[in-house]
């Protein structure tokens, strides 16, 4: 009797094993993911100068394998963005990393909108004479909380020799106003 019970359990285990193998063989096979492509290492970033407002990072867009260099400084005061709102602003210089523009002013609040489609951005460095830069608020994602300055090389050259930079900007619902940045101590080549 024990022999028959043992044989029945053995046959049952064999049947369960066959069923398990059949189920596992029908599961979708997921291929082993290849390792991500090698990317260029980030260039060494300079430390901020003592007392400098500039912060350096190594950004990269999702579509670019190249790592860039970015230097950003925050505005000295918030600006009006319409509907009674206020926002800080950030002035950035970028090189590489897949970004189309070398200079930009970005609002911290994405509800603010610059009014500038293929316009001239007026800047004053250390209170000097007004200088004009080509700019646009049109972006690839349809937002206009960033103002792009096309001549980043010239902008960087001016910023390297200045302590403050004041840009005259126009915001939807808030009108024309100035936004000032403490730009002393920029460490930027090219």
N, C-alpha and C. Protein backbone atom coordinates (compact mmCIF):
# COMPACT_ATOMS: atom_id res chain seq x y z
N UNK A 1 0.81 -1.18 0.00
CA UNK A 1 0.00 0.00 0.00
C UNK A 1 0.86 1.26 0.00
N UNK A 2 1.92 1.19 0.85
CA UNK A 2 2.82 2.34 0.87
C UNK A 2 3.49 2.54 -0.49
N UNK A 3 3.79 1.42 -1.12
CA UNK A 3 4.44 1.51 -2.40
C UNK A 3 3.52 2.18 -3.41
N UNK A 4 2.26 1.92 -3.41
CA UNK A 4 1.30 2.49 -4.34
C UNK A 4 1.11 3.97 -4.05
N UNK A 5 1.07 4.34 -2.74
CA UNK A 5 0.95 5.75 -2.36
C UNK A 5 2.19 6.53 -2.81
N UNK A 6 3.38 5.98 -2.60
CA UNK A 6 4.62 6.62 -3.03
C UNK A 6 4.67 6.80 -4.53
N UNK A 7 4.21 5.79 -5.28
CA UNK A 7 4.21 5.87 -6.74
C UNK A 7 3.21 6.93 -7.21
N UNK A 8 2.06 7.04 -6.54
CA UNK A 8 1.05 8.03 -6.90
C UNK A 8 1.58 9.45 -6.66
N UNK A 9 2.28 9.64 -5.54
CA UNK A 9 2.86 10.97 -5.24
C UNK A 9 3.93 11.31 -6.26
N UNK A 10 4.75 10.31 -6.62
CA UNK A 10 5.80 10.54 -7.61
C UNK A 10 5.20 10.94 -8.96
N UNK A 11 4.14 10.28 -9.40
CA UNK A 11 3.49 10.59 -10.67
C UNK A 11 2.86 11.99 -10.60
N UNK A 12 2.26 12.31 -9.43
CA UNK A 12 1.67 13.65 -9.25
C UNK A 12 2.75 14.73 -9.33
N UNK A 13 3.90 14.52 -8.70
CA UNK A 13 4.99 15.49 -8.77
C UNK A 13 5.52 15.64 -10.20
N UNK A 14 5.61 14.54 -10.93
CA UNK A 14 6.06 14.62 -12.33
C UNK A 14 5.07 15.43 -13.16
N UNK A 15 3.78 15.22 -12.92
CA UNK A 15 2.76 15.96 -13.67
C UNK A 15 2.82 17.45 -13.34
N UNK A 16 2.96 17.78 -12.06
CA UNK A 16 3.08 19.19 -11.67
C UNK A 16 4.32 19.84 -12.27
N UNK A 17 5.41 19.11 -12.31
CA UNK A 17 6.64 19.63 -12.91
C UNK A 17 6.47 19.90 -14.39
N UNK A 18 5.78 18.99 -15.09
CA UNK A 18 5.54 19.18 -16.53
C UNK A 18 4.66 20.40 -16.77
N UNK A 19 3.63 20.58 -15.95
CA UNK A 19 2.76 21.74 -16.08
C UNK A 19 3.57 23.02 -15.84
N UNK A 20 4.40 23.05 -14.80
CA UNK A 20 5.21 24.23 -14.48
C UNK A 20 6.15 24.57 -15.63
N UNK A 21 6.76 23.54 -16.22
CA UNK A 21 7.67 23.78 -17.34
C UNK A 21 6.89 24.34 -18.53
N UNK A 22 5.70 23.84 -18.78
CA UNK A 22 4.87 24.34 -19.88
C UNK A 22 4.48 25.79 -19.66
N UNK A 23 4.13 26.16 -18.42
CA UNK A 23 3.74 27.54 -18.12
C UNK A 23 4.93 28.48 -18.29
N UNK A 24 6.06 28.10 -17.76
CA UNK A 24 7.26 28.94 -17.84
C UNK A 24 7.70 29.12 -19.29
N UNK A 25 7.56 28.08 -20.10
CA UNK A 25 8.01 28.19 -21.50
C UNK A 25 7.11 29.11 -22.32
N UNK A 26 5.87 29.35 -21.84
CA UNK A 26 4.97 30.23 -22.56
C UNK A 26 5.06 31.69 -22.11
N UNK A 27 5.81 31.98 -21.07
CA UNK A 27 5.97 33.36 -20.61
C UNK A 27 6.77 34.14 -21.65
N UNK A 28 6.43 35.44 -21.82
CA UNK A 28 7.20 36.24 -22.79
C UNK A 28 8.66 36.34 -22.35
N UNK A 29 9.51 36.20 -23.31
CA UNK A 29 10.94 36.27 -23.05
C UNK A 29 11.40 37.72 -23.16
N UNK A 30 12.04 38.22 -22.15
CA UNK A 30 12.58 39.58 -22.22
C UNK A 30 14.07 39.48 -22.52
N UNK A 31 14.49 40.14 -23.59
CA UNK A 31 15.91 40.08 -23.92
C UNK A 31 16.73 40.82 -22.86
N UNK A 32 17.94 40.42 -22.75
CA UNK A 32 18.85 41.09 -21.82
C UNK A 32 19.19 42.44 -22.42
N UNK A 33 18.99 43.49 -21.63
CA UNK A 33 19.25 44.85 -22.12
C UNK A 33 20.75 45.06 -22.28
N UNK A 34 21.13 45.62 -23.42
CA UNK A 34 22.56 45.91 -23.60
C UNK A 34 22.96 47.07 -22.68
N UNK A 35 24.20 47.14 -22.33
CA UNK A 35 24.62 48.26 -21.48
C UNK A 35 24.44 49.58 -22.22
N UNK A 36 24.17 50.66 -21.49
CA UNK A 36 23.99 51.96 -22.16
C UNK A 36 25.27 52.36 -22.90
N UNK A 37 25.11 53.12 -23.99
CA UNK A 37 26.30 53.53 -24.75
C UNK A 37 27.19 54.42 -23.88
N UNK A 38 28.46 54.29 -24.14
CA UNK A 38 29.40 55.12 -23.38
C UNK A 38 29.25 56.57 -23.80
N UNK A 39 29.28 57.44 -22.81
CA UNK A 39 29.19 58.87 -23.08
C UNK A 39 30.49 59.53 -22.67
N UNK A 40 30.68 60.68 -23.25
CA UNK A 40 31.90 61.43 -22.93
C UNK A 40 31.84 61.86 -21.47
N UNK A 41 32.94 61.76 -20.76
CA UNK A 41 32.93 62.20 -19.36
C UNK A 41 32.71 63.71 -19.28
N UNK A 42 32.12 64.12 -18.19
CA UNK A 42 31.86 65.55 -17.98
C UNK A 42 33.19 66.27 -17.82
N UNK A 43 33.30 67.44 -18.43
CA UNK A 43 34.53 68.21 -18.27
C UNK A 43 34.64 68.68 -16.82
N UNK A 44 35.85 68.89 -16.34
CA UNK A 44 35.98 69.36 -14.96
C UNK A 44 35.35 70.74 -14.82
N UNK A 45 34.57 70.91 -13.77
CA UNK A 45 33.88 72.18 -13.55
C UNK A 45 34.69 73.04 -12.60
N UNK A 46 34.77 74.34 -12.89
CA UNK A 46 35.53 75.20 -11.98
C UNK A 46 34.74 75.44 -10.70
N UNK A 47 35.44 75.57 -9.58
CA UNK A 47 34.72 75.93 -8.36
C UNK A 47 34.31 77.39 -8.44
N UNK A 48 33.22 77.77 -7.78
CA UNK A 48 32.84 79.19 -7.81
C UNK A 48 33.91 80.04 -7.12
N UNK A 49 34.13 81.23 -7.64
CA UNK A 49 35.06 82.15 -7.00
C UNK A 49 34.47 82.57 -5.65
N UNK A 50 35.30 82.91 -4.73
CA UNK A 50 34.84 83.33 -3.41
C UNK A 50 33.92 84.53 -3.56
N UNK A 51 32.71 84.43 -3.02
CA UNK A 51 31.73 85.49 -3.10
C UNK A 51 30.93 85.50 -4.39
N UNK A 52 31.25 84.61 -5.33
CA UNK A 52 30.56 84.58 -6.62
C UNK A 52 29.17 83.96 -6.47
N UNK A 53 28.24 84.46 -7.27
CA UNK A 53 26.89 83.91 -7.31
C UNK A 53 26.76 82.80 -8.36
N UNK A 54 27.79 82.58 -9.15
CA UNK A 54 27.74 81.58 -10.22
C UNK A 54 27.83 80.17 -9.66
N UNK A 55 27.02 79.26 -10.21
CA UNK A 55 27.08 77.84 -9.87
C UNK A 55 27.25 77.08 -11.18
N UNK A 56 28.13 76.09 -11.17
CA UNK A 56 28.50 75.37 -12.37
C UNK A 56 27.96 73.94 -12.32
N UNK A 57 27.39 73.48 -13.43
CA UNK A 57 26.89 72.11 -13.55
C UNK A 57 27.28 71.56 -14.91
N UNK A 58 27.02 70.27 -15.12
CA UNK A 58 27.31 69.60 -16.38
C UNK A 58 26.02 69.00 -16.93
N UNK A 59 25.17 69.81 -17.60
CA UNK A 59 23.89 69.30 -18.10
C UNK A 59 24.01 68.56 -19.42
N UNK A 60 22.95 67.82 -19.73
CA UNK A 60 22.87 67.12 -21.01
C UNK A 60 21.38 66.96 -21.32
N UNK A 61 21.00 67.23 -22.57
CA UNK A 61 19.61 66.99 -22.95
C UNK A 61 19.41 65.49 -23.14
N UNK A 62 18.16 65.07 -23.14
CA UNK A 62 17.84 63.65 -23.29
C UNK A 62 18.26 63.12 -24.65
N UNK A 63 18.41 64.00 -25.63
CA UNK A 63 18.73 63.57 -26.99
C UNK A 63 20.21 63.67 -27.34
N UNK A 64 21.02 64.14 -26.41
CA UNK A 64 22.44 64.33 -26.72
C UNK A 64 23.32 63.43 -25.85
N UNK A 65 24.27 62.74 -26.48
CA UNK A 65 25.20 61.94 -25.70
C UNK A 65 26.31 62.79 -25.07
N UNK A 66 26.43 64.04 -25.50
CA UNK A 66 27.50 64.90 -25.01
C UNK A 66 27.09 65.62 -23.73
N UNK A 67 28.03 65.73 -22.84
CA UNK A 67 27.82 66.48 -21.61
C UNK A 67 28.27 67.91 -21.86
N UNK A 68 27.52 68.87 -21.37
CA UNK A 68 27.86 70.27 -21.56
C UNK A 68 28.38 70.88 -20.27
N UNK A 69 28.56 72.18 -20.32
CA UNK A 69 28.97 72.96 -19.16
C UNK A 69 27.97 74.10 -19.03
N UNK A 70 27.55 74.37 -17.81
CA UNK A 70 26.57 75.42 -17.57
C UNK A 70 26.99 76.23 -16.36
N UNK A 71 26.86 77.55 -16.46
CA UNK A 71 27.11 78.45 -15.35
C UNK A 71 25.84 79.28 -15.15
N UNK A 72 25.31 79.31 -13.94
CA UNK A 72 24.04 80.02 -13.68
C UNK A 72 24.17 80.90 -12.44
N UNK A 73 23.50 82.05 -12.48
CA UNK A 73 23.45 82.98 -11.35
C UNK A 73 21.99 83.41 -11.17
N UNK A 74 21.56 83.56 -9.93
CA UNK A 74 20.18 83.96 -9.62
C UNK A 74 20.06 85.47 -9.61
N UNK A 75 18.83 85.96 -9.90
CA UNK A 75 18.57 87.40 -9.90
C UNK A 75 18.67 87.95 -8.48
N UNK A 76 18.99 89.23 -8.38
CA UNK A 76 19.13 89.86 -7.07
C UNK A 76 17.78 90.12 -6.41
N UNK A 77 16.70 90.15 -7.21
CA UNK A 77 15.35 90.37 -6.68
C UNK A 77 14.34 89.67 -7.59
N UNK A 78 13.18 89.35 -7.05
CA UNK A 78 12.11 88.76 -7.86
C UNK A 78 11.53 89.80 -8.81
N UNK A 79 10.93 89.32 -9.88
CA UNK A 79 10.26 90.21 -10.83
C UNK A 79 8.79 89.83 -10.93
N UNK A 80 7.97 90.75 -11.39
CA UNK A 80 6.54 90.51 -11.55
C UNK A 80 6.32 89.65 -12.79
N UNK A 81 5.40 88.67 -12.66
CA UNK A 81 5.12 87.80 -13.81
C UNK A 81 3.67 87.87 -14.26
N UNK A 82 2.89 88.81 -13.73
CA UNK A 82 1.49 88.95 -14.11
C UNK A 82 0.57 88.30 -13.10
N UNK A 83 -0.68 88.76 -13.08
CA UNK A 83 -1.71 88.26 -12.16
C UNK A 83 -1.25 88.37 -10.70
N UNK A 84 -0.42 89.38 -10.41
CA UNK A 84 0.04 89.60 -9.05
C UNK A 84 1.15 88.67 -8.59
N UNK A 85 1.61 87.79 -9.47
CA UNK A 85 2.67 86.84 -9.10
C UNK A 85 4.06 87.43 -9.25
N UNK A 86 4.98 86.82 -8.53
CA UNK A 86 6.39 87.21 -8.60
C UNK A 86 7.22 85.94 -8.78
N UNK A 87 8.39 86.10 -9.38
CA UNK A 87 9.27 84.96 -9.59
C UNK A 87 10.72 85.40 -9.58
N UNK A 88 11.56 84.53 -9.10
CA UNK A 88 12.99 84.73 -9.25
C UNK A 88 13.37 84.39 -10.68
N UNK A 89 14.53 84.80 -11.09
CA UNK A 89 15.02 84.50 -12.45
C UNK A 89 16.45 83.99 -12.33
N UNK A 90 16.85 83.21 -13.30
CA UNK A 90 18.20 82.66 -13.35
C UNK A 90 18.81 82.97 -14.71
N UNK A 91 20.01 83.50 -14.70
CA UNK A 91 20.77 83.77 -15.92
C UNK A 91 21.76 82.61 -16.10
N UNK A 92 21.73 81.97 -17.26
CA UNK A 92 22.62 80.83 -17.51
C UNK A 92 23.39 80.99 -18.81
N UNK A 93 24.60 80.49 -18.80
CA UNK A 93 25.41 80.32 -20.00
C UNK A 93 25.60 78.82 -20.17
N UNK A 94 25.48 78.32 -21.40
CA UNK A 94 25.65 76.89 -21.67
C UNK A 94 26.56 76.70 -22.86
N UNK A 95 27.26 75.59 -22.82
CA UNK A 95 28.10 75.19 -23.95
C UNK A 95 28.00 73.66 -24.05
N UNK A 96 27.63 73.15 -25.21
CA UNK A 96 27.53 71.71 -25.42
C UNK A 96 26.30 71.12 -24.75
N UNK A 97 26.25 69.81 -24.67
CA UNK A 97 25.16 69.11 -24.01
C UNK A 97 23.88 69.07 -24.81
N UNK A 98 23.91 69.50 -26.08
CA UNK A 98 22.73 69.45 -26.93
C UNK A 98 21.81 70.65 -26.81
N UNK A 99 22.22 71.69 -26.10
CA UNK A 99 21.36 72.86 -25.95
C UNK A 99 21.54 73.79 -27.14
N UNK A 100 20.43 74.34 -27.70
CA UNK A 100 20.54 75.16 -28.90
C UNK A 100 21.02 76.58 -28.65
N UNK A 101 20.83 77.11 -27.46
CA UNK A 101 21.20 78.51 -27.19
C UNK A 101 22.25 78.56 -26.10
N UNK A 102 23.16 79.50 -26.22
CA UNK A 102 24.26 79.60 -25.27
C UNK A 102 23.91 80.44 -24.05
N UNK A 103 22.95 81.35 -24.16
CA UNK A 103 22.57 82.18 -23.02
C UNK A 103 21.07 82.16 -22.82
N UNK A 104 20.65 82.24 -21.56
CA UNK A 104 19.21 82.28 -21.31
C UNK A 104 18.91 82.91 -19.96
N UNK A 105 17.72 83.47 -19.86
CA UNK A 105 17.17 83.93 -18.59
C UNK A 105 15.92 83.09 -18.39
N UNK A 106 15.85 82.38 -17.27
CA UNK A 106 14.71 81.51 -17.00
C UNK A 106 14.00 81.97 -15.73
N UNK A 107 12.68 81.90 -15.78
CA UNK A 107 11.88 82.22 -14.60
C UNK A 107 11.76 80.98 -13.73
N UNK A 108 11.71 81.19 -12.43
CA UNK A 108 11.50 80.07 -11.51
C UNK A 108 10.07 79.58 -11.54
N UNK A 109 9.13 80.45 -11.87
CA UNK A 109 7.72 80.11 -11.95
C UNK A 109 7.36 79.93 -13.41
N UNK A 110 6.96 78.73 -13.81
CA UNK A 110 6.70 78.46 -15.23
C UNK A 110 5.40 79.09 -15.73
N UNK A 111 4.66 79.78 -14.87
CA UNK A 111 3.46 80.47 -15.33
C UNK A 111 3.80 81.83 -15.95
N UNK A 112 4.98 82.35 -15.66
CA UNK A 112 5.40 83.61 -16.26
C UNK A 112 5.74 83.40 -17.72
N UNK A 113 5.48 84.43 -18.54
CA UNK A 113 5.77 84.30 -19.97
C UNK A 113 6.47 85.55 -20.47
N UNK A 114 7.65 85.34 -21.03
CA UNK A 114 8.35 86.44 -21.68
C UNK A 114 7.63 86.78 -22.98
N UNK A 115 7.58 88.05 -23.32
CA UNK A 115 7.04 88.50 -24.60
C UNK A 115 8.25 88.86 -25.45
N UNK A 116 8.66 87.93 -26.29
CA UNK A 116 9.86 88.15 -27.09
C UNK A 116 9.98 87.05 -28.12
N UNK A 117 9.41 87.25 -29.28
CA UNK A 117 9.62 86.29 -30.35
C UNK A 117 10.47 86.98 -31.40
N UNK A 118 11.71 86.53 -31.52
CA UNK A 118 12.69 87.16 -32.40
C UNK A 118 12.78 88.66 -32.11
N UNK A 119 13.18 88.98 -30.90
CA UNK A 119 13.23 90.38 -30.45
C UNK A 119 14.66 90.78 -30.10
N UNK A 120 14.81 91.98 -29.65
CA UNK A 120 16.09 92.50 -29.16
C UNK A 120 16.01 92.58 -27.64
N UNK A 121 17.00 92.02 -26.96
CA UNK A 121 17.08 92.06 -25.51
C UNK A 121 18.11 93.13 -25.15
N UNK A 122 17.70 94.10 -24.34
CA UNK A 122 18.59 95.20 -23.95
C UNK A 122 19.27 94.83 -22.63
N UNK A 123 20.59 95.01 -22.59
CA UNK A 123 21.38 94.69 -21.40
C UNK A 123 22.30 95.86 -21.08
N UNK A 124 22.54 96.04 -19.78
CA UNK A 124 23.51 97.03 -19.29
C UNK A 124 24.44 96.30 -18.33
N UNK A 125 25.71 96.50 -18.53
CA UNK A 125 26.71 95.86 -17.69
C UNK A 125 27.36 96.93 -16.81
N UNK A 126 27.29 96.76 -15.51
CA UNK A 126 27.80 97.73 -14.53
C UNK A 126 27.23 99.12 -14.76
N UNK A 127 25.99 99.21 -15.18
CA UNK A 127 25.34 100.51 -15.38
C UNK A 127 25.81 101.24 -16.61
N UNK A 128 26.55 100.58 -17.48
CA UNK A 128 27.06 101.23 -18.69
C UNK A 128 25.99 101.44 -19.73
N UNK A 129 26.42 101.72 -20.94
CA UNK A 129 25.51 101.97 -22.06
C UNK A 129 24.73 100.71 -22.40
N UNK A 130 23.53 100.91 -22.90
CA UNK A 130 22.67 99.80 -23.29
C UNK A 130 23.26 99.06 -24.49
N UNK A 131 23.23 97.74 -24.42
CA UNK A 131 23.67 96.89 -25.52
C UNK A 131 22.50 96.01 -25.93
N UNK A 132 22.45 95.66 -27.19
CA UNK A 132 21.33 94.90 -27.72
C UNK A 132 21.79 93.49 -28.13
N UNK A 133 20.99 92.49 -27.78
CA UNK A 133 21.26 91.10 -28.13
C UNK A 133 20.03 90.52 -28.82
N UNK A 134 20.24 89.67 -29.82
CA UNK A 134 19.13 88.95 -30.45
C UNK A 134 18.61 87.93 -29.45
N UNK A 135 17.27 87.84 -29.33
CA UNK A 135 16.68 86.89 -28.40
C UNK A 135 15.37 86.34 -28.90
N UNK A 136 14.87 85.33 -28.21
CA UNK A 136 13.56 84.75 -28.49
C UNK A 136 13.07 84.01 -27.26
N UNK A 137 11.77 84.00 -27.08
CA UNK A 137 11.17 83.21 -26.00
C UNK A 137 10.56 81.94 -26.55
N UNK A 138 10.58 81.76 -27.86
CA UNK A 138 10.04 80.54 -28.46
C UNK A 138 10.96 79.38 -28.12
N UNK A 139 10.37 78.27 -27.70
CA UNK A 139 11.18 77.12 -27.34
C UNK A 139 10.63 75.86 -27.98
N UNK A 140 11.40 74.79 -27.92
CA UNK A 140 10.99 73.54 -28.55
C UNK A 140 9.81 72.89 -27.85
N UNK A 141 9.61 73.17 -26.56
CA UNK A 141 8.49 72.55 -25.84
C UNK A 141 7.28 73.47 -25.73
N UNK A 142 7.29 74.61 -26.44
CA UNK A 142 6.14 75.49 -26.48
C UNK A 142 5.98 76.41 -25.28
N UNK A 143 6.94 76.42 -24.38
CA UNK A 143 6.84 77.29 -23.21
C UNK A 143 7.57 78.59 -23.47
N UNK A 144 7.23 79.61 -22.69
CA UNK A 144 7.91 80.89 -22.87
C UNK A 144 8.35 81.47 -21.53
N UNK A 145 8.68 80.61 -20.58
CA UNK A 145 9.22 81.08 -19.31
C UNK A 145 10.74 81.20 -19.37
N UNK A 146 11.31 80.95 -20.55
CA UNK A 146 12.74 81.13 -20.76
C UNK A 146 12.95 82.09 -21.92
N UNK A 147 13.89 82.98 -21.75
CA UNK A 147 14.26 83.95 -22.77
C UNK A 147 15.66 83.58 -23.25
N UNK A 148 15.78 83.21 -24.51
CA UNK A 148 17.05 82.73 -25.04
C UNK A 148 17.80 83.87 -25.73
N UNK A 149 19.08 83.99 -25.43
CA UNK A 149 19.94 85.01 -26.02
C UNK A 149 20.87 84.28 -26.98
N UNK A 150 20.78 84.65 -28.25
CA UNK A 150 21.46 83.88 -29.28
C UNK A 150 22.97 84.06 -29.31
N UNK A 151 23.48 85.23 -29.02
CA UNK A 151 24.92 85.48 -29.08
C UNK A 151 25.55 85.25 -27.71
N UNK A 152 25.65 83.99 -27.35
CA UNK A 152 26.18 83.63 -26.04
C UNK A 152 27.65 83.95 -25.87
N UNK A 153 28.41 83.89 -26.95
CA UNK A 153 29.85 84.19 -26.86
C UNK A 153 30.05 85.66 -26.48
N UNK A 154 29.34 86.55 -27.14
CA UNK A 154 29.45 87.97 -26.82
C UNK A 154 28.92 88.25 -25.41
N UNK A 155 27.80 87.62 -25.05
CA UNK A 155 27.24 87.79 -23.72
C UNK A 155 28.23 87.33 -22.65
N UNK A 156 28.84 86.17 -22.84
CA UNK A 156 29.83 85.67 -21.87
C UNK A 156 31.01 86.62 -21.75
N UNK A 157 31.46 87.17 -22.88
CA UNK A 157 32.57 88.13 -22.84
C UNK A 157 32.23 89.35 -22.00
N UNK A 158 31.01 89.87 -22.14
CA UNK A 158 30.59 91.03 -21.34
C UNK A 158 30.46 90.65 -19.87
N UNK A 159 29.91 89.47 -19.59
CA UNK A 159 29.70 89.05 -18.21
C UNK A 159 31.01 88.82 -17.47
N UNK A 160 32.03 88.37 -18.19
CA UNK A 160 33.33 88.10 -17.55
C UNK A 160 33.99 89.37 -17.02
N UNK A 161 33.64 90.52 -17.60
CA UNK A 161 34.28 91.77 -17.21
C UNK A 161 33.36 92.66 -16.38
N UNK A 162 32.22 92.16 -15.95
CA UNK A 162 31.24 92.98 -15.24
C UNK A 162 31.00 92.45 -13.83
N UNK A 163 30.44 93.31 -13.01
CA UNK A 163 30.01 92.91 -11.66
C UNK A 163 28.50 92.69 -11.61
N UNK A 164 27.77 93.51 -12.39
CA UNK A 164 26.32 93.34 -12.46
C UNK A 164 25.88 93.39 -13.93
N UNK A 165 24.78 92.71 -14.19
CA UNK A 165 24.16 92.75 -15.51
C UNK A 165 22.67 92.96 -15.31
N UNK A 166 22.11 93.96 -16.00
CA UNK A 166 20.69 94.26 -15.90
C UNK A 166 20.08 94.12 -17.29
N UNK A 167 19.04 93.30 -17.38
CA UNK A 167 18.35 93.04 -18.64
C UNK A 167 16.96 93.65 -18.56
N UNK A 168 16.56 94.33 -19.61
CA UNK A 168 15.20 94.85 -19.71
C UNK A 168 14.38 93.79 -20.43
N UNK A 169 13.35 93.29 -19.75
CA UNK A 169 12.53 92.21 -20.29
C UNK A 169 11.06 92.63 -20.27
N UNK A 170 10.26 91.99 -21.09
CA UNK A 170 8.81 92.22 -21.10
C UNK A 170 8.14 90.90 -20.76
N UNK A 171 7.24 90.95 -19.76
CA UNK A 171 6.50 89.76 -19.36
C UNK A 171 5.01 89.96 -19.60
N UNK A 172 4.37 88.92 -20.10
CA UNK A 172 2.94 88.96 -20.38
C UNK A 172 2.18 89.28 -19.09
N UNK A 173 1.39 90.33 -19.12
CA UNK A 173 0.59 90.73 -17.97
C UNK A 173 1.33 91.55 -16.93
N UNK A 174 2.63 91.75 -17.12
CA UNK A 174 3.41 92.52 -16.15
C UNK A 174 4.18 93.65 -16.81
N UNK A 175 4.30 93.64 -18.13
CA UNK A 175 4.96 94.72 -18.84
C UNK A 175 6.47 94.67 -18.79
N UNK A 176 7.07 95.81 -19.16
CA UNK A 176 8.53 95.93 -19.21
C UNK A 176 9.09 96.17 -17.82
N UNK A 177 10.18 95.50 -17.51
CA UNK A 177 10.85 95.67 -16.23
C UNK A 177 12.29 95.22 -16.34
N UNK A 178 13.08 95.59 -15.36
CA UNK A 178 14.49 95.21 -15.33
C UNK A 178 14.71 94.06 -14.37
N UNK A 179 15.61 93.16 -14.75
CA UNK A 179 16.04 92.07 -13.87
C UNK A 179 17.56 92.14 -13.80
N UNK A 180 18.08 92.16 -12.56
CA UNK A 180 19.52 92.36 -12.34
C UNK A 180 20.14 91.10 -11.74
N UNK A 181 21.37 90.83 -12.17
CA UNK A 181 22.13 89.67 -11.69
C UNK A 181 23.50 90.14 -11.21
N UNK A 182 23.98 89.55 -10.12
CA UNK A 182 25.34 89.76 -9.67
C UNK A 182 26.19 88.76 -10.45
N UNK A 183 27.02 89.25 -11.36
CA UNK A 183 27.75 88.36 -12.27
C UNK A 183 29.25 88.36 -12.02
N UNK A 184 29.70 88.96 -10.96
CA UNK A 184 31.14 89.01 -10.68
C UNK A 184 31.70 87.60 -10.48
N UNK A 185 32.90 87.40 -10.94
CA UNK A 185 33.60 86.14 -10.70
C UNK A 185 33.28 85.01 -11.67
N UNK A 186 32.70 85.32 -12.82
CA UNK A 186 32.40 84.27 -13.80
C UNK A 186 33.68 83.63 -14.29
N UNK A 187 33.73 82.30 -14.24
CA UNK A 187 34.85 81.53 -14.77
C UNK A 187 34.34 80.80 -16.01
N UNK A 188 34.62 81.36 -17.17
CA UNK A 188 34.08 80.83 -18.42
C UNK A 188 35.10 81.03 -19.51
N UNK A 189 35.38 79.99 -20.26
CA UNK A 189 36.32 80.13 -21.38
C UNK A 189 35.54 80.03 -22.68
N UNK A 190 36.12 80.58 -23.71
CA UNK A 190 35.56 80.58 -25.06
C UNK A 190 34.52 81.60 -25.24
